[in-house]
PDB file of N, CA and C in Angstrom:
ATOM      1  N   UNK A   1      -9.530  14.449  23.668  1.00  0.00           N
ATOM      2  CA  UNK A   1      -8.978  14.218  22.352  1.00  0.00           C
ATOM      3  C   UNK A   1     -10.116  13.885  21.388  1.00  0.00           C
ATOM      4  N   UNK A   2     -10.254  14.639  20.283  1.00  0.00           N
ATOM      5  CA  UNK A   2     -11.323  14.343  19.329  1.00  0.00           C
ATOM      6  C   UNK A   2     -11.024  13.065  18.544  1.00  0.00           C
ATOM      7  N   UNK A   3     -12.080  12.348  18.221  1.00  0.00           N
ATOM      8  CA  UNK A   3     -11.925  11.119  17.452  1.00  0.00           C
ATOM      9  C   UNK A   3     -11.796  11.449  15.982  1.00  0.00           C
ATOM     10  N   UNK A   4     -10.872  10.782  15.310  1.00  0.00           N
ATOM     11  CA  UNK A   4     -10.667  11.013  13.890  1.00  0.00           C
ATOM     12  C   UNK A   4     -11.741  10.286  13.085  1.00  0.00           C
ATOM     13  N   UNK A   5     -12.182  10.923  12.017  1.00  0.00           N
ATOM     14  CA  UNK A   5     -13.152  10.328  11.102  1.00  0.00           C
ATOM     15  C   UNK A   5     -12.546  10.390   9.706  1.00  0.00           C
ATOM     16  N   UNK A   6     -12.584   9.266   8.983  1.00  0.00           N
ATOM     17  CA  UNK A   6     -12.014   9.187   7.638  1.00  0.00           C
ATOM     18  C   UNK A   6     -13.053   8.625   6.687  1.00  0.00           C
ATOM     19  N   UNK A   7     -12.854   8.903   5.400  1.00  0.00           N
ATOM     20  CA  UNK A   7     -13.733   8.398   4.352  1.00  0.00           C
ATOM     21  C   UNK A   7     -12.884   7.570   3.396  1.00  0.00           C
ATOM     22  N   UNK A   8     -13.349   6.359   3.066  1.00  0.00           N
ATOM     23  CA  UNK A   8     -12.550   5.493   2.219  1.00  0.00           C
ATOM     24  C   UNK A   8     -13.385   4.475   1.470  1.00  0.00           C
ATOM     25  N   UNK A   9     -12.683   3.593   0.754  1.00  0.00           N
ATOM     26  CA  UNK A   9     -13.314   2.574  -0.085  1.00  0.00           C
ATOM     27  C   UNK A   9     -12.902   1.195   0.422  1.00  0.00           C
ATOM     28  N   UNK A  10     -13.864   0.276   0.494  1.00  0.00           N
ATOM     29  CA  UNK A  10     -13.602  -1.086   0.951  1.00  0.00           C
ATOM     30  C   UNK A  10     -12.851  -1.837  -0.149  1.00  0.00           C
ATOM     31  N   UNK A  11     -11.682  -2.390   0.200  1.00  0.00           N
ATOM     32  CA  UNK A  11     -10.883  -3.122  -0.778  1.00  0.00           C
ATOM     33  C   UNK A  11     -10.809  -4.613  -0.475  1.00  0.00           C
ATOM     34  N   UNK A  12     -11.196  -5.037   0.739  1.00  0.00           N
ATOM     35  CA  UNK A  12     -11.177  -6.452   1.068  1.00  0.00           C
ATOM     36  C   UNK A  12     -12.212  -6.742   2.149  1.00  0.00           C
ATOM     37  N   UNK A  13     -12.824  -7.933   2.029  1.00  0.00           N
ATOM     38  CA  UNK A  13     -13.832  -8.375   2.991  1.00  0.00           C
ATOM     39  C   UNK A  13     -13.660  -9.871   3.277  1.00  0.00           C
ATOM     40  N   UNK A  14     -12.427 -10.323   3.314  1.00  0.00           N
ATOM     41  CA  UNK A  14     -12.162 -11.749   3.452  1.00  0.00           C
ATOM     42  C   UNK A  14     -12.135 -12.230   4.904  1.00  0.00           C
ATOM     43  N   UNK A  15     -12.074 -11.300   5.855  1.00  0.00           N
ATOM     44  CA  UNK A  15     -12.016 -11.679   7.264  1.00  0.00           C
ATOM     45  C   UNK A  15     -13.400 -11.580   7.903  1.00  0.00           C
ATOM     46  N   UNK A  16     -13.573 -12.267   9.003  1.00  0.00           N
ATOM     47  CA  UNK A  16     -14.837 -12.258   9.725  1.00  0.00           C
ATOM     48  C   UNK A  16     -14.917 -10.988  10.575  1.00  0.00           C
ATOM     49  N   UNK A  17     -15.981 -10.197  10.385  1.00  0.00           N
ATOM     50  CA  UNK A  17     -16.241  -8.947  11.111  1.00  0.00           C
ATOM     51  C   UNK A  17     -15.149  -7.898  10.928  1.00  0.00           C
ATOM     52  N   UNK A  18     -14.336  -8.020   9.876  1.00  0.00           N
ATOM     53  CA  UNK A  18     -13.269  -7.064   9.611  1.00  0.00           C
ATOM     54  C   UNK A  18     -13.226  -6.762   8.121  1.00  0.00           C
ATOM     55  N   UNK A  19     -13.089  -5.480   7.793  1.00  0.00           N
ATOM     56  CA  UNK A  19     -12.909  -5.070   6.404  1.00  0.00           C
ATOM     57  C   UNK A  19     -11.633  -4.251   6.303  1.00  0.00           C
ATOM     58  N   UNK A  20     -11.078  -4.179   5.101  1.00  0.00           N
ATOM     59  CA  UNK A  20      -9.908  -3.347   4.841  1.00  0.00           C
ATOM     60  C   UNK A  20     -10.384  -2.160   4.020  1.00  0.00           C
ATOM     61  N   UNK A  21     -10.102  -0.949   4.522  1.00  0.00           N
ATOM     62  CA  UNK A  21     -10.550   0.278   3.874  1.00  0.00           C
ATOM     63  C   UNK A  21      -9.330   1.067   3.422  1.00  0.00           C
ATOM     64  N   UNK A  22      -9.349   1.514   2.152  1.00  0.00           N
ATOM     65  CA  UNK A  22      -8.277   2.330   1.598  1.00  0.00           C
ATOM     66  C   UNK A  22      -8.695   3.792   1.675  1.00  0.00           C
ATOM     67  N   UNK A  23      -7.884   4.610   2.355  1.00  0.00           N
ATOM     68  CA  UNK A  23      -8.140   6.039   2.507  1.00  0.00           C
ATOM     69  C   UNK A  23      -7.070   6.787   1.726  1.00  0.00           C
ATOM     70  N   UNK A  24      -7.503   7.710   0.859  1.00  0.00           N
ATOM     71  CA  UNK A  24      -6.580   8.465   0.021  1.00  0.00           C
ATOM     72  C   UNK A  24      -6.519   9.913   0.493  1.00  0.00           C
ATOM     73  N   UNK A  25      -5.307  10.404   0.709  1.00  0.00           N
ATOM     74  CA  UNK A  25      -5.092  11.792   1.094  1.00  0.00           C
ATOM     75  C   UNK A  25      -4.364  12.505  -0.031  1.00  0.00           C
ATOM     76  N   UNK A  26      -4.847  13.695  -0.411  1.00  0.00           N
ATOM     77  CA  UNK A  26      -4.203  14.505  -1.439  1.00  0.00           C
ATOM     78  C   UNK A  26      -3.657  15.771  -0.789  1.00  0.00           C
ATOM     79  N   UNK A  27      -2.432  16.123  -1.187  1.00  0.00           N
ATOM     80  CA  UNK A  27      -1.807  17.326  -0.655  1.00  0.00           C
ATOM     81  C   UNK A  27      -0.817  17.869  -1.686  1.00  0.00           C
ATOM     82  N   UNK A  28      -0.565  19.178  -1.682  1.00  0.00           N
ATOM     83  CA  UNK A  28       0.381  19.753  -2.638  1.00  0.00           C
ATOM     84  C   UNK A  28       1.824  19.552  -2.185  1.00  0.00           C
ATOM     85  N   UNK A  29       2.714  19.364  -3.151  1.00  0.00           N
ATOM     86  CA  UNK A  29       4.134  19.269  -2.857  1.00  0.00           C
ATOM     87  C   UNK A  29       4.613  20.632  -2.353  1.00  0.00           C
ATOM     88  N   UNK A  30       5.438  20.670  -1.294  1.00  0.00           N
ATOM     89  CA  UNK A  30       5.812  21.951  -0.712  1.00  0.00           C
ATOM     90  C   UNK A  30       6.598  22.877  -1.646  1.00  0.00           C
ATOM     91  N   UNK A  31       7.338  22.321  -2.586  1.00  0.00           N
ATOM     92  CA  UNK A  31       8.142  23.158  -3.482  1.00  0.00           C
ATOM     93  C   UNK A  31       7.521  23.260  -4.871  1.00  0.00           C
ATOM     94  N   UNK A  32       7.109  22.139  -5.456  1.00  0.00           N
ATOM     95  CA  UNK A  32       6.679  22.113  -6.853  1.00  0.00           C
ATOM     96  C   UNK A  32       5.180  22.298  -7.060  1.00  0.00           C
ATOM     97  N   UNK A  33       4.394  22.323  -6.014  1.00  0.00           N
ATOM     98  CA  UNK A  33       2.945  22.539  -6.059  1.00  0.00           C
ATOM     99  C   UNK A  33       2.170  21.480  -6.830  1.00  0.00           C
ATOM    100  N   UNK A  34       2.796  20.361  -7.105  1.00  0.00           N
ATOM    101  CA  UNK A  34       2.080  19.255  -7.740  1.00  0.00           C
ATOM    102  C   UNK A  34       1.254  18.540  -6.670  1.00  0.00           C
ATOM    103  N   UNK A  35       0.051  18.111  -7.037  1.00  0.00           N
ATOM    104  CA  UNK A  35      -0.801  17.396  -6.094  1.00  0.00           C
ATOM    105  C   UNK A  35      -0.323  15.953  -5.984  1.00  0.00           C
ATOM    106  N   UNK A  36      -0.020  15.539  -4.756  1.00  0.00           N
ATOM    107  CA  UNK A  36       0.437  14.175  -4.492  1.00  0.00           C
ATOM    108  C   UNK A  36      -0.669  13.403  -3.805  1.00  0.00           C
ATOM    109  N   UNK A  37      -0.674  12.076  -4.014  1.00  0.00           N
ATOM    110  CA  UNK A  37      -1.653  11.202  -3.381  1.00  0.00           C
ATOM    111  C   UNK A  37      -0.928  10.217  -2.472  1.00  0.00           C
ATOM    112  N   UNK A  38      -1.437  10.073  -1.275  1.00  0.00           N
ATOM    113  CA  UNK A  38      -0.911   9.078  -0.349  1.00  0.00           C
ATOM    114  C   UNK A  38      -2.079   8.216   0.100  1.00  0.00           C
ATOM    115  N   UNK A  39      -1.917   6.901   0.051  1.00  0.00           N
ATOM    116  CA  UNK A  39      -2.991   5.997   0.454  1.00  0.00           C
ATOM    117  C   UNK A  39      -2.564   5.197   1.675  1.00  0.00           C
ATOM    118  N   UNK A  40      -3.498   5.001   2.567  1.00  0.00           N
ATOM    119  CA  UNK A  40      -3.304   4.159   3.748  1.00  0.00           C
ATOM    120  C   UNK A  40      -4.415   3.126   3.787  1.00  0.00           C
ATOM    121  N   UNK A  41      -4.079   1.932   4.258  1.00  0.00           N
ATOM    122  CA  UNK A  41      -5.084   0.884   4.434  1.00  0.00           C
ATOM    123  C   UNK A  41      -5.292   0.666   5.926  1.00  0.00           C
ATOM    124  N   UNK A  42      -6.551   0.646   6.337  1.00  0.00           N
ATOM    125  CA  UNK A  42      -6.898   0.461   7.733  1.00  0.00           C
ATOM    126  C   UNK A  42      -7.776  -0.776   7.885  1.00  0.00           C
ATOM    127  N   UNK A  43      -7.543  -1.532   8.957  1.00  0.00           N
ATOM    128  CA  UNK A  43      -8.434  -2.624   9.314  1.00  0.00           C
ATOM    129  C   UNK A  43      -9.574  -2.027  10.132  1.00  0.00           C
ATOM    130  N   UNK A  44     -10.809  -2.307   9.725  1.00  0.00           N
ATOM    131  CA  UNK A  44     -11.982  -1.686  10.322  1.00  0.00           C
ATOM    132  C   UNK A  44     -12.922  -2.774  10.827  1.00  0.00           C
ATOM    133  N   UNK A  45     -13.466  -2.565  12.015  1.00  0.00           N
ATOM    134  CA  UNK A  45     -14.410  -3.506  12.608  1.00  0.00           C
ATOM    135  C   UNK A  45     -15.803  -3.281  12.011  1.00  0.00           C
ATOM    136  N   UNK A  46     -16.323  -4.311  11.344  1.00  0.00           N
ATOM    137  CA  UNK A  46     -17.673  -4.285  10.759  1.00  0.00           C
ATOM    138  C   UNK A  46     -18.498  -5.327  11.505  1.00  0.00           C
ATOM    139  N   UNK A  47     -19.182  -4.895  12.554  1.00  0.00           N
ATOM    140  CA  UNK A  47     -19.857  -5.805  13.474  1.00  0.00           C
ATOM    141  C   UNK A  47     -20.917  -6.661  12.783  1.00  0.00           C
ATOM    142  N   UNK A  48     -21.731  -6.045  11.925  1.00  0.00           N
ATOM    143  CA  UNK A  48     -22.844  -6.761  11.292  1.00  0.00           C
ATOM    144  C   UNK A  48     -22.420  -7.446   9.999  1.00  0.00           C
ATOM    145  N   UNK A  49     -21.416  -6.918   9.335  1.00  0.00           N
ATOM    146  CA  UNK A  49     -20.951  -7.501   8.077  1.00  0.00           C
ATOM    147  C   UNK A  49     -21.765  -7.049   6.885  1.00  0.00           C
ATOM    148  N   UNK A  50     -22.184  -5.793   6.858  1.00  0.00           N
ATOM    149  CA  UNK A  50     -23.040  -5.287   5.782  1.00  0.00           C
ATOM    150  C   UNK A  50     -22.273  -4.739   4.595  1.00  0.00           C
ATOM    151  N   UNK A  51     -20.990  -4.480   4.741  1.00  0.00           N
ATOM    152  CA  UNK A  51     -20.202  -3.865   3.660  1.00  0.00           C
ATOM    153  C   UNK A  51     -19.895  -4.860   2.558  1.00  0.00           C
ATOM    154  N   UNK A  52     -19.823  -4.353   1.356  1.00  0.00           N
ATOM    155  CA  UNK A  52     -19.420  -5.123   0.190  1.00  0.00           C
ATOM    156  C   UNK A  52     -18.163  -4.500  -0.405  1.00  0.00           C
ATOM    157  N   UNK A  53     -17.528  -5.200  -1.304  1.00  0.00           N
ATOM    158  CA  UNK A  53     -16.331  -4.721  -1.966  1.00  0.00           C
ATOM    159  C   UNK A  53     -16.654  -3.499  -2.822  1.00  0.00           C
ATOM    160  N   UNK A  54     -15.897  -2.418  -2.657  1.00  0.00           N
ATOM    161  CA  UNK A  54     -16.089  -1.212  -3.447  1.00  0.00           C
ATOM    162  C   UNK A  54     -17.009  -0.183  -2.835  1.00  0.00           C
ATOM    163  N   UNK A  55     -17.606  -0.466  -1.678  1.00  0.00           N
ATOM    164  CA  UNK A  55     -18.486   0.502  -1.008  1.00  0.00           C
ATOM    165  C   UNK A  55     -17.663   1.673  -0.477  1.00  0.00           C
ATOM    166  N   UNK A  56     -18.269   2.844  -0.483  1.00  0.00           N
ATOM    167  CA  UNK A  56     -17.648   4.020   0.108  1.00  0.00           C
ATOM    168  C   UNK A  56     -18.179   4.143   1.534  1.00  0.00           C
ATOM    169  N   UNK A  57     -17.269   4.191   2.523  1.00  0.00           N
ATOM    170  CA  UNK A  57     -17.679   4.128   3.923  1.00  0.00           C
ATOM    171  C   UNK A  57     -17.060   5.258   4.738  1.00  0.00           C
ATOM    172  N   UNK A  58     -17.659   5.503   5.891  1.00  0.00           N
ATOM    173  CA  UNK A  58     -17.158   6.462   6.865  1.00  0.00           C
ATOM    174  C   UNK A  58     -16.705   5.664   8.079  1.00  0.00           C
ATOM    175  N   UNK A  59     -15.442   5.869   8.503  1.00  0.00           N
ATOM    176  CA  UNK A  59     -14.890   5.125   9.626  1.00  0.00           C
ATOM    177  C   UNK A  59     -14.443   6.092  10.711  1.00  0.00           C
ATOM    178  N   UNK A  60     -14.418   5.588  11.954  1.00  0.00           N
ATOM    179  CA  UNK A  60     -14.048   6.421  13.092  1.00  0.00           C
ATOM    180  C   UNK A  60     -13.041   5.678  13.950  1.00  0.00           C
ATOM    181  N   UNK A  61     -12.087   6.414  14.493  1.00  0.00           N
ATOM    182  CA  UNK A  61     -11.067   5.830  15.342  1.00  0.00           C
ATOM    183  C   UNK A  61     -11.678   5.424  16.684  1.00  0.00           C
ATOM    184  N   UNK A  62     -11.203   4.321  17.242  1.00  0.00           N
ATOM    185  CA  UNK A  62     -11.713   3.827  18.523  1.00  0.00           C
ATOM    186  C   UNK A  62     -10.558   3.208  19.315  1.00  0.00           C
ATOM    187  N   UNK A  63     -10.875   2.609  20.419  1.00  0.00           N
ATOM    188  CA  UNK A  63      -9.855   1.930  21.228  1.00  0.00           C
ATOM    189  C   UNK A  63      -9.317   0.722  20.444  1.00  0.00           C
ATOM    190  N   UNK A  64      -8.134   0.239  20.753  1.00  0.00           N
ATOM    191  CA  UNK A  64      -7.609  -0.930  20.043  1.00  0.00           C
ATOM    192  C   UNK A  64      -8.481  -2.165  20.258  1.00  0.00           C
ATOM    193  N   UNK A  65      -8.934  -2.748  19.143  1.00  0.00           N
ATOM    194  CA  UNK A  65      -9.747  -3.959  19.204  1.00  0.00           C
ATOM    195  C   UNK A  65      -8.896  -5.208  19.005  1.00  0.00           C
ATOM    196  N   UNK A  66      -7.781  -5.059  18.323  1.00  0.00           N
ATOM    197  CA  UNK A  66      -6.797  -6.121  18.165  1.00  0.00           C
ATOM    198  C   UNK A  66      -5.459  -5.447  17.865  1.00  0.00           C
ATOM    199  N   UNK A  67      -4.487  -6.208  17.417  1.00  0.00           N
ATOM    200  CA  UNK A  67      -3.161  -5.644  17.198  1.00  0.00           C
ATOM    201  C   UNK A  67      -3.152  -4.532  16.157  1.00  0.00           C
ATOM    202  N   UNK A  68      -3.892  -4.706  15.051  1.00  0.00           N
ATOM    203  CA  UNK A  68      -3.894  -3.720  13.969  1.00  0.00           C
ATOM    204  C   UNK A  68      -5.241  -3.044  13.754  1.00  0.00           C
ATOM    205  N   UNK A  69      -6.252  -3.429  14.489  1.00  0.00           N
ATOM    206  CA  UNK A  69      -7.605  -2.904  14.264  1.00  0.00           C
ATOM    207  C   UNK A  69      -7.935  -1.839  15.300  1.00  0.00           C
ATOM    208  N   UNK A  70      -7.973  -0.549  14.831  1.00  0.00           N
ATOM    209  CA  UNK A  70      -8.260   0.583  15.711  1.00  0.00           C
ATOM    210  C   UNK A  70      -9.367   1.458  15.150  1.00  0.00           C
ATOM    211  N   UNK A  71     -10.110   0.971  14.194  1.00  0.00           N
ATOM    212  CA  UNK A  71     -11.159   1.749  13.537  1.00  0.00           C
ATOM    213  C   UNK A  71     -12.453   0.962  13.547  1.00  0.00           C
ATOM    214  N   UNK A  72     -13.579   1.690  13.557  1.00  0.00           N
ATOM    215  CA  UNK A  72     -14.894   1.054  13.551  1.00  0.00           C
ATOM    216  C   UNK A  72     -15.736   1.715  12.456  1.00  0.00           C
ATOM    217  N   UNK A  73     -16.609   0.938  11.841  1.00  0.00           N
ATOM    218  CA  UNK A  73     -17.469   1.434  10.770  1.00  0.00           C
ATOM    219  C   UNK A  73     -18.577   2.313  11.357  1.00  0.00           C
ATOM    220  N   UNK A  74     -18.757   3.508  10.781  1.00  0.00           N
ATOM    221  CA  UNK A  74     -19.810   4.417  11.228  1.00  0.00           C
ATOM    222  C   UNK A  74     -21.024   4.286  10.319  1.00  0.00           C
ATOM    223  N   UNK A  75     -20.807   4.431   9.010  1.00  0.00           N
ATOM    224  CA  UNK A  75     -21.913   4.289   8.076  1.00  0.00           C
ATOM    225  C   UNK A  75     -21.393   4.001   6.674  1.00  0.00           C
ATOM    226  N   UNK A  76     -22.279   3.463   5.847  1.00  0.00           N
ATOM    227  CA  UNK A  76     -21.979   3.246   4.437  1.00  0.00           C
ATOM    228  C   UNK A  76     -22.513   4.452   3.684  1.00  0.00           C
ATOM    229  N   UNK A  77     -21.615   5.169   3.002  1.00  0.00           N
ATOM    230  CA  UNK A  77     -22.016   6.384   2.283  1.00  0.00           C
ATOM    231  C   UNK A  77     -22.701   6.034   0.972  1.00  0.00           C
ATOM    232  N   UNK A  78     -22.065   5.164   0.190  1.00  0.00           N
ATOM    233  CA  UNK A  78     -22.678   4.736  -1.071  1.00  0.00           C
ATOM    234  C   UNK A  78     -22.326   3.289  -1.346  1.00  0.00           C
ATOM    235  N   UNK A  79     -23.281   2.572  -1.886  1.00  0.00           N
ATOM    236  CA  UNK A  79     -23.086   1.165  -2.222  1.00  0.00           C
ATOM    237  C   UNK A  79     -22.364   1.042  -3.559  1.00  0.00           C
ATOM    238  N   UNK A  80     -21.646  -0.037  -3.717  1.00  0.00           N
ATOM    239  CA  UNK A  80     -20.914  -0.302  -4.951  1.00  0.00           C
ATOM    240  C   UNK A  80     -21.833  -0.963  -5.977  1.00  0.00           C
ATOM    241  N   UNK A  81     -21.516  -0.735  -7.233  1.00  0.00           N
ATOM    242  CA  UNK A  81     -22.272  -1.396  -8.289  1.00  0.00           C
ATOM    243  C   UNK A  81     -21.602  -2.686  -8.748  1.00  0.00           C
ATOM    244  N   UNK A  82     -20.489  -3.062  -8.083  1.00  0.00           N
ATOM    245  CA  UNK A  82     -19.810  -4.301  -8.415  1.00  0.00           C
ATOM    246  C   UNK A  82     -20.624  -5.500  -7.973  1.00  0.00           C
ATOM    247  N   UNK A  83     -20.656  -6.524  -8.800  1.00  0.00           N
ATOM    248  CA  UNK A  83     -21.381  -7.747  -8.468  1.00  0.00           C
ATOM    249  C   UNK A  83     -20.352  -8.783  -8.013  1.00  0.00           C
ATOM    250  N   UNK A  84     -20.439  -9.207  -6.745  1.00  0.00           N
ATOM    251  CA  UNK A  84     -19.495 -10.197  -6.232  1.00  0.00           C
ATOM    252  C   UNK A  84     -20.225 -11.375  -5.640  1.00  0.00           C
TER     253      UNK A  84
END
C-alpha cells in the first residue's frame, strides 16, 4: 500500500511535538462544474518542533501514533512571514 503524501498549512502549534495542518482539496461539482473546496485538519507529529504558524509543509501518512495522530512531518516547503 503506497503512503499518502499531502501538502498543507500549519494552523496550530499549541501541543507538544504535535501540529495541526489544514489541507485543502479542490474538485469540480459533478453537475454544475463549479470548483468546490473541501478542507481537512490533520494532527501531525513534529518530532523536533521546527514548524511555525502559517508554514507550508509536506506530510506523510504513517502508523497510528495516538488516537487521532496518523501523520508525520516530512519537510517544510516554505516558511511563514508571520511574526509570533
